[in-house]
């Protein structure tokens, strides 16, 4: 049983190394990664701005409610 686990890990390691190497050298994958990273950064920035806007709106609502 232990030998099967070793073989599985060895095959998994080799496949992983081949996959990582081929993706690292793929211009299409690199473009995909850069575009995905840019979109995620944009979403993160948009979320931060929305959080600020919601805090401002909440403060205005609370101030109006307390008057």
C-alpha atoms as a PDB file:
ATOM      1  CA  UNK A   1       0.000   0.000   0.000  1.00  0.00           C
ATOM      2  CA  UNK A   2       2.795   2.422   0.888  1.00  0.00           C
ATOM      3  CA  UNK A   3       4.502   1.748  -2.451  1.00  0.00           C
ATOM      4  CA  UNK A   4       1.368   2.810  -4.330  1.00  0.00           C
ATOM      5  CA  UNK A   5       1.328   6.125  -2.472  1.00  0.00           C
ATOM      6  CA  UNK A   6       4.950   6.712  -3.402  1.00  0.00           C
ATOM      7  CA  UNK A   7       4.296   5.966  -7.064  1.00  0.00           C
ATOM      8  CA  UNK A   8       1.261   8.252  -7.064  1.00  0.00           C
ATOM      9  CA  UNK A   9       3.286  11.091  -5.513  1.00  0.00           C
ATOM     10  CA  UNK A  10       6.138  10.572  -7.987  1.00  0.00           C
ATOM     11  CA  UNK A  11       3.824  10.585 -11.015  1.00  0.00           C
ATOM     12  CA  UNK A  12       1.922  13.562  -9.621  1.00  0.00           C
ATOM     13  CA  UNK A  13       5.194  15.447  -9.106  1.00  0.00           C
ATOM     14  CA  UNK A  14       6.417  14.749 -12.658  1.00  0.00           C
ATOM     15  CA  UNK A  15       3.079  15.722 -14.218  1.00  0.00           C
ATOM     16  CA  UNK A  16       2.968  18.865 -12.090  1.00  0.00           C
ATOM     17  CA  UNK A  17       6.488  19.864 -13.119  1.00  0.00           C
ATOM     18  CA  UNK A  18       5.702  19.327 -16.813  1.00  0.00           C
ATOM     19  CA  UNK A  19       2.444  21.270 -16.527  1.00  0.00           C
ATOM     20  CA  UNK A  20       4.036  24.163 -14.640  1.00  0.00           C
ATOM     21  CA  UNK A  21       6.929  24.334 -17.092  1.00  0.00           C
ATOM     22  CA  UNK A  22       4.658  24.313 -20.144  1.00  0.00           C
ATOM     23  CA  UNK A  23       2.337  26.971 -18.684  1.00  0.00           C
ATOM     24  CA  UNK A  24       5.281  29.136 -17.639  1.00  0.00           C
ATOM     25  CA  UNK A  25       6.545  29.096 -21.236  1.00  0.00           C
ATOM     26  CA  UNK A  26       3.132  29.682 -22.816  1.00  0.00           C
ATOM     27  CA  UNK A  27       2.601  33.240 -24.049  1.00  0.00           C
ATOM     28  CA  UNK A  28      -1.155  32.683 -24.192  1.00  0.00           C
ATOM     29  CA  UNK A  29      -1.238  31.584 -20.557  1.00  0.00           C
ATOM     30  CA  UNK A  30       0.954  34.528 -19.547  1.00  0.00           C
ATOM     31  CA  UNK A  31      -1.461  36.957 -21.252  1.00  0.00           C
ATOM     32  CA  UNK A  32      -4.378  35.221 -19.529  1.00  0.00           C
ATOM     33  CA  UNK A  33      -2.634  35.502 -16.151  1.00  0.00           C
ATOM     34  CA  UNK A  34      -1.841  39.204 -16.634  1.00  0.00           C
ATOM     35  CA  UNK A  35      -5.404  40.024 -17.754  1.00  0.00           C
ATOM     36  CA  UNK A  36      -6.894  38.025 -14.879  1.00  0.00           C
ATOM     37  CA  UNK A  37      -4.623  39.749 -12.379  1.00  0.00           C
ATOM     38  CA  UNK A  38      -5.591  43.176 -13.756  1.00  0.00           C
ATOM     39  CA  UNK A  39      -9.312  42.350 -13.520  1.00  0.00           C
ATOM     40  CA  UNK A  40      -8.934  41.122  -9.936  1.00  0.00           C
ATOM     41  CA  UNK A  41      -7.072  44.294  -8.992  1.00  0.00           C
ATOM     42  CA  UNK A  42      -9.820  46.376 -10.618  1.00  0.00           C
ATOM     43  CA  UNK A  43     -12.528  44.457  -8.719  1.00  0.00           C
ATOM     44  CA  UNK A  44     -10.620  44.880  -5.473  1.00  0.00           C
ATOM     45  CA  UNK A  45     -10.284  48.634  -6.034  1.00  0.00           C
ATOM     46  CA  UNK A  46     -13.962  48.889  -6.969  1.00  0.00           C
ATOM     47  CA  UNK A  47     -14.901  47.014  -3.795  1.00  0.00           C
ATOM     48  CA  UNK A  48     -12.772  49.348  -1.668  1.00  0.00           C
ATOM     49  CA  UNK A  49     -14.444  52.378  -3.259  1.00  0.00           C
ATOM     50  CA  UNK A  50     -17.905  50.886  -2.697  1.00  0.00           C
ATOM     51  CA  UNK A  51     -17.040  50.245   0.946  1.00  0.00           C
ATOM     52  CA  UNK A  52     -16.062  53.898   1.396  1.00  0.00           C
ATOM     53  CA  UNK A  53     -19.218  55.061  -0.378  1.00  0.00           C
ATOM     54  CA  UNK A  54     -21.400  52.810   1.777  1.00  0.00           C
ATOM     55  CA  UNK A  55     -19.757  54.111   4.943  1.00  0.00           C
ATOM     56  CA  UNK A  56     -20.376  57.693   3.780  1.00  0.00           C
ATOM     57  CA  UNK A  57     -23.990  56.899   2.879  1.00  0.00           C
ATOM     58  CA  UNK A  58     -24.514  55.160   6.210  1.00  0.00           C
ATOM     59  CA  UNK A  59     -23.132  58.175   8.075  1.00  0.00           C
ATOM     60  CA  UNK A  60     -25.381  60.544   6.139  1.00  0.00           C
ATOM     61  CA  UNK A  61     -28.385  58.298   6.805  1.00  0.00           C
ATOM     62  CA  UNK A  62     -27.577  58.088  10.521  1.00  0.00           C
ATOM     63  CA  UNK A  63     -27.076  61.854  10.758  1.00  0.00           C
ATOM     64  CA  UNK A  64     -30.393  62.473   8.998  1.00  0.00           C
ATOM     65  CA  UNK A  65     -32.190  59.891  11.164  1.00  0.00           C
ATOM     66  CA  UNK A  66     -30.884  61.467  14.385  1.00  0.00           C
ATOM     67  CA  UNK A  67     -32.130  64.965  13.493  1.00  0.00           C
END
